[in-house]
């Protein structure tokens, strides 16, 4: 499975799970999830 798809699903889940989150929180979570996906990509050697 493409790591981007995993990241995208997690971002969508965050946005639907916490609709009251501020735009700053959305950006911070997206960056954290991006770092997670980068580590996952290195771990799985995509």
PDB file of N, CA and C in Angstrom:
ATOM      1  N   UNK A   1       0.847  -1.184   0.000  1.00  0.00           N
ATOM      2  CA  UNK A   1       0.000   0.000   0.000  1.00  0.00           C
ATOM      3  C   UNK A   1       0.888   1.241   0.000  1.00  0.00           C
ATOM      4  N   UNK A   2       0.479   2.198  -0.725  1.00  0.00           N
ATOM      5  CA  UNK A   2       1.228   3.436  -0.848  1.00  0.00           C
ATOM      6  C   UNK A   2       1.201   4.201   0.479  1.00  0.00           C
ATOM      7  N   UNK A   3       2.347   4.686   0.926  1.00  0.00           N
ATOM      8  CA  UNK A   3       2.447   5.406   2.191  1.00  0.00           C
ATOM      9  C   UNK A   3       1.633   6.697   2.142  1.00  0.00           C
ATOM     10  N   UNK A   4       1.554   7.328   0.981  1.00  0.00           N
ATOM     11  CA  UNK A   4       0.744   8.539   0.853  1.00  0.00           C
ATOM     12  C   UNK A   4      -0.716   8.260   1.179  1.00  0.00           C
ATOM     13  N   UNK A   5      -1.216   7.135   0.732  1.00  0.00           N
ATOM     14  CA  UNK A   5      -2.607   6.772   0.995  1.00  0.00           C
ATOM     15  C   UNK A   5      -2.819   6.601   2.498  1.00  0.00           C
ATOM     16  N   UNK A   6      -1.873   5.981   3.180  1.00  0.00           N
ATOM     17  CA  UNK A   6      -1.967   5.817   4.637  1.00  0.00           C
ATOM     18  C   UNK A   6      -1.999   7.179   5.306  1.00  0.00           C
ATOM     19  N   UNK A   7      -1.115   8.082   4.888  1.00  0.00           N
ATOM     20  CA  UNK A   7      -1.078   9.433   5.448  1.00  0.00           C
ATOM     21  C   UNK A   7      -2.398  10.149   5.191  1.00  0.00           C
ATOM     22  N   UNK A   8      -2.897  10.050   3.973  1.00  0.00           N
ATOM     23  CA  UNK A   8      -4.137  10.722   3.601  1.00  0.00           C
ATOM     24  C   UNK A   8      -5.306  10.218   4.433  1.00  0.00           C
ATOM     25  N   UNK A   9      -5.399   8.910   4.625  1.00  0.00           N
ATOM     26  CA  UNK A   9      -6.479   8.333   5.425  1.00  0.00           C
ATOM     27  C   UNK A   9      -6.391   8.820   6.875  1.00  0.00           C
ATOM     28  N   UNK A  10      -5.183   8.910   7.406  1.00  0.00           N
ATOM     29  CA  UNK A  10      -5.020   9.394   8.780  1.00  0.00           C
ATOM     30  C   UNK A  10      -5.404  10.865   8.900  1.00  0.00           C
ATOM     31  N   UNK A  11      -5.061  11.683   7.913  1.00  0.00           N
ATOM     32  CA  UNK A  11      -5.434  13.103   7.932  1.00  0.00           C
ATOM     33  C   UNK A  11      -6.952  13.253   7.838  1.00  0.00           C
ATOM     34  N   UNK A  12      -7.585  12.485   6.962  1.00  0.00           N
ATOM     35  CA  UNK A  12      -9.042  12.544   6.838  1.00  0.00           C
ATOM     36  C   UNK A  12      -9.699  12.083   8.138  1.00  0.00           C
ATOM     37  N   UNK A  13      -9.168  11.022   8.740  1.00  0.00           N
ATOM     38  CA  UNK A  13      -9.715  10.540  10.011  1.00  0.00           C
ATOM     39  C   UNK A  13      -9.588  11.614  11.093  1.00  0.00           C
ATOM     40  N   UNK A  14      -8.454  12.313  11.129  1.00  0.00           N
ATOM     41  CA  UNK A  14      -8.276  13.403  12.089  1.00  0.00           C
ATOM     42  C   UNK A  14      -9.316  14.495  11.846  1.00  0.00           C
ATOM     43  N   UNK A  15      -9.489  14.894  10.593  1.00  0.00           N
ATOM     44  CA  UNK A  15     -10.409  15.986  10.285  1.00  0.00           C
ATOM     45  C   UNK A  15     -11.863  15.626  10.589  1.00  0.00           C
ATOM     46  N   UNK A  16     -12.257  14.397  10.341  1.00  0.00           N
ATOM     47  CA  UNK A  16     -13.622  14.001  10.658  1.00  0.00           C
ATOM     48  C   UNK A  16     -13.781  13.650  12.139  1.00  0.00           C
ATOM     49  N   UNK A  17     -12.713  13.180  12.770  1.00  0.00           N
ATOM     50  CA  UNK A  17     -12.770  12.823  14.185  1.00  0.00           C
ATOM     51  C   UNK A  17     -12.770  14.030  15.102  1.00  0.00           C
ATOM     52  N   UNK A  18     -12.115  15.101  14.683  1.00  0.00           N
ATOM     53  CA  UNK A  18     -12.015  16.325  15.479  1.00  0.00           C
ATOM     54  C   UNK A  18     -12.382  17.536  14.623  1.00  0.00           C
ATOM     55  N   UNK A  19     -13.653  17.659  14.264  1.00  0.00           N
ATOM     56  CA  UNK A  19     -14.050  18.775  13.392  1.00  0.00           C
ATOM     57  C   UNK A  19     -13.923  20.141  14.065  1.00  0.00           C
ATOM     58  N   UNK A  20     -13.869  20.176  15.398  1.00  0.00           N
ATOM     59  CA  UNK A  20     -13.757  21.449  16.105  1.00  0.00           C
ATOM     60  C   UNK A  20     -12.310  21.927  16.231  1.00  0.00           C
ATOM     61  N   UNK A  21     -11.370  21.172  15.691  1.00  0.00           N
ATOM     62  CA  UNK A  21      -9.952  21.554  15.767  1.00  0.00           C
ATOM     63  C   UNK A  21      -9.705  22.832  14.972  1.00  0.00           C
ATOM     64  N   UNK A  22      -8.798  23.643  15.497  1.00  0.00           N
ATOM     65  CA  UNK A  22      -8.455  24.891  14.808  1.00  0.00           C
ATOM     66  C   UNK A  22      -7.583  24.582  13.590  1.00  0.00           C
ATOM     67  N   UNK A  23      -7.483  25.526  12.654  1.00  0.00           N
ATOM     68  CA  UNK A  23      -6.612  25.311  11.491  1.00  0.00           C
ATOM     69  C   UNK A  23      -5.157  25.054  11.890  1.00  0.00           C
ATOM     70  N   UNK A  24      -4.690  25.695  12.941  1.00  0.00           N
ATOM     71  CA  UNK A  24      -3.319  25.465  13.406  1.00  0.00           C
ATOM     72  C   UNK A  24      -3.145  24.021  13.869  1.00  0.00           C
ATOM     73  N   UNK A  25      -4.113  23.514  14.596  1.00  0.00           N
ATOM     74  CA  UNK A  25      -4.043  22.112  15.036  1.00  0.00           C
ATOM     75  C   UNK A  25      -4.053  21.171  13.833  1.00  0.00           C
ATOM     76  N   UNK A  26      -4.854  21.495  12.830  1.00  0.00           N
ATOM     77  CA  UNK A  26      -4.881  20.670  11.613  1.00  0.00           C
ATOM     78  C   UNK A  26      -3.509  20.624  10.942  1.00  0.00           C
ATOM     79  N   UNK A  27      -2.856  21.764  10.859  1.00  0.00           N
ATOM     80  CA  UNK A  27      -1.532  21.826  10.225  1.00  0.00           C
ATOM     81  C   UNK A  27      -0.509  21.053  11.050  1.00  0.00           C
ATOM     82  N   UNK A  28      -0.534  21.226  12.367  1.00  0.00           N
ATOM     83  CA  UNK A  28       0.423  20.535  13.236  1.00  0.00           C
ATOM     84  C   UNK A  28       0.246  19.026  13.119  1.00  0.00           C
ATOM     85  N   UNK A  29      -0.986  18.557  13.146  1.00  0.00           N
ATOM     86  CA  UNK A  29      -1.238  17.115  13.030  1.00  0.00           C
ATOM     87  C   UNK A  29      -0.828  16.601  11.654  1.00  0.00           C
ATOM     88  N   UNK A  30      -1.090  17.362  10.605  1.00  0.00           N
ATOM     89  CA  UNK A  30      -0.685  16.941   9.261  1.00  0.00           C
ATOM     90  C   UNK A  30       0.831  16.816   9.161  1.00  0.00           C
ATOM     91  N   UNK A  31       1.558  17.743   9.785  1.00  0.00           N
ATOM     92  CA  UNK A  31       3.026  17.672   9.763  1.00  0.00           C
ATOM     93  C   UNK A  31       3.504  16.456  10.554  1.00  0.00           C
ATOM     94  N   UNK A  32       2.919  16.232  11.721  1.00  0.00           N
ATOM     95  CA  UNK A  32       3.310  15.062  12.528  1.00  0.00           C
ATOM     96  C   UNK A  32       3.028  13.776  11.766  1.00  0.00           C
ATOM     97  N   UNK A  33       1.867  13.692  11.131  1.00  0.00           N
ATOM     98  CA  UNK A  33       1.543  12.496  10.354  1.00  0.00           C
ATOM     99  C   UNK A  33       2.455  12.356   9.138  1.00  0.00           C
ATOM    100  N   UNK A  34       2.893  13.465   8.581  1.00  0.00           N
ATOM    101  CA  UNK A  34       3.837  13.420   7.471  1.00  0.00           C
ATOM    102  C   UNK A  34       5.180  12.862   7.927  1.00  0.00           C
ATOM    103  N   UNK A  35       5.633  13.301   9.094  1.00  0.00           N
ATOM    104  CA  UNK A  35       6.881  12.755   9.649  1.00  0.00           C
ATOM    105  C   UNK A  35       6.734  11.261   9.917  1.00  0.00           C
ATOM    106  N   UNK A  36       5.580  10.868  10.440  1.00  0.00           N
ATOM    107  CA  UNK A  36       5.306   9.451  10.672  1.00  0.00           C
ATOM    108  C   UNK A  36       5.354   8.668   9.365  1.00  0.00           C
ATOM    109  N   UNK A  37       4.756   9.221   8.314  1.00  0.00           N
ATOM    110  CA  UNK A  37       4.750   8.505   7.033  1.00  0.00           C
ATOM    111  C   UNK A  37       6.157   8.425   6.440  1.00  0.00           C
ATOM    112  N   UNK A  38       6.986   9.456   6.674  1.00  0.00           N
ATOM    113  CA  UNK A  38       8.374   9.410   6.207  1.00  0.00           C
ATOM    114  C   UNK A  38       9.137   8.302   6.917  1.00  0.00           C
ATOM    115  N   UNK A  39       8.934   8.194   8.228  1.00  0.00           N
ATOM    116  CA  UNK A  39       9.593   7.118   8.980  1.00  0.00           C
ATOM    117  C   UNK A  39       9.078   5.759   8.523  1.00  0.00           C
ATOM    118  N   UNK A  40       7.771   5.667   8.258  1.00  0.00           N
ATOM    119  CA  UNK A  40       7.199   4.415   7.783  1.00  0.00           C
ATOM    120  C   UNK A  40       7.764   4.037   6.424  1.00  0.00           C
ATOM    121  N   UNK A  41       7.943   5.032   5.572  1.00  0.00           N
ATOM    122  CA  UNK A  41       8.496   4.786   4.236  1.00  0.00           C
ATOM    123  C   UNK A  41       9.921   4.234   4.343  1.00  0.00           C
ATOM    124  N   UNK A  42      10.727   4.809   5.241  1.00  0.00           N
ATOM    125  CA  UNK A  42      12.092   4.313   5.435  1.00  0.00           C
ATOM    126  C   UNK A  42      12.090   2.919   6.038  1.00  0.00           C
ATOM    127  N   UNK A  43      11.172   2.670   6.964  1.00  0.00           N
ATOM    128  CA  UNK A  43      11.098   1.381   7.602  1.00  0.00           C
ATOM    129  C   UNK A  43      10.696   0.290   6.618  1.00  0.00           C
ATOM    130  N   UNK A  44       9.740   0.619   5.747  1.00  0.00           N
ATOM    131  CA  UNK A  44       9.267  -0.368   4.773  1.00  0.00           C
ATOM    132  C   UNK A  44      10.052  -0.343   3.470  1.00  0.00           C
ATOM    133  N   UNK A  45      10.964   0.625   3.344  1.00  0.00           N
ATOM    134  CA  UNK A  45      11.852   0.760   2.195  1.00  0.00           C
ATOM    135  C   UNK A  45      11.089   0.899   0.878  1.00  0.00           C
ATOM    136  N   UNK A  46      10.137   1.844   0.834  1.00  0.00           N
ATOM    137  CA  UNK A  46       9.393   2.128  -0.389  1.00  0.00           C
ATOM    138  C   UNK A  46      10.224   2.975  -1.300  1.00  0.00           C
TER     139      UNK A  46
END
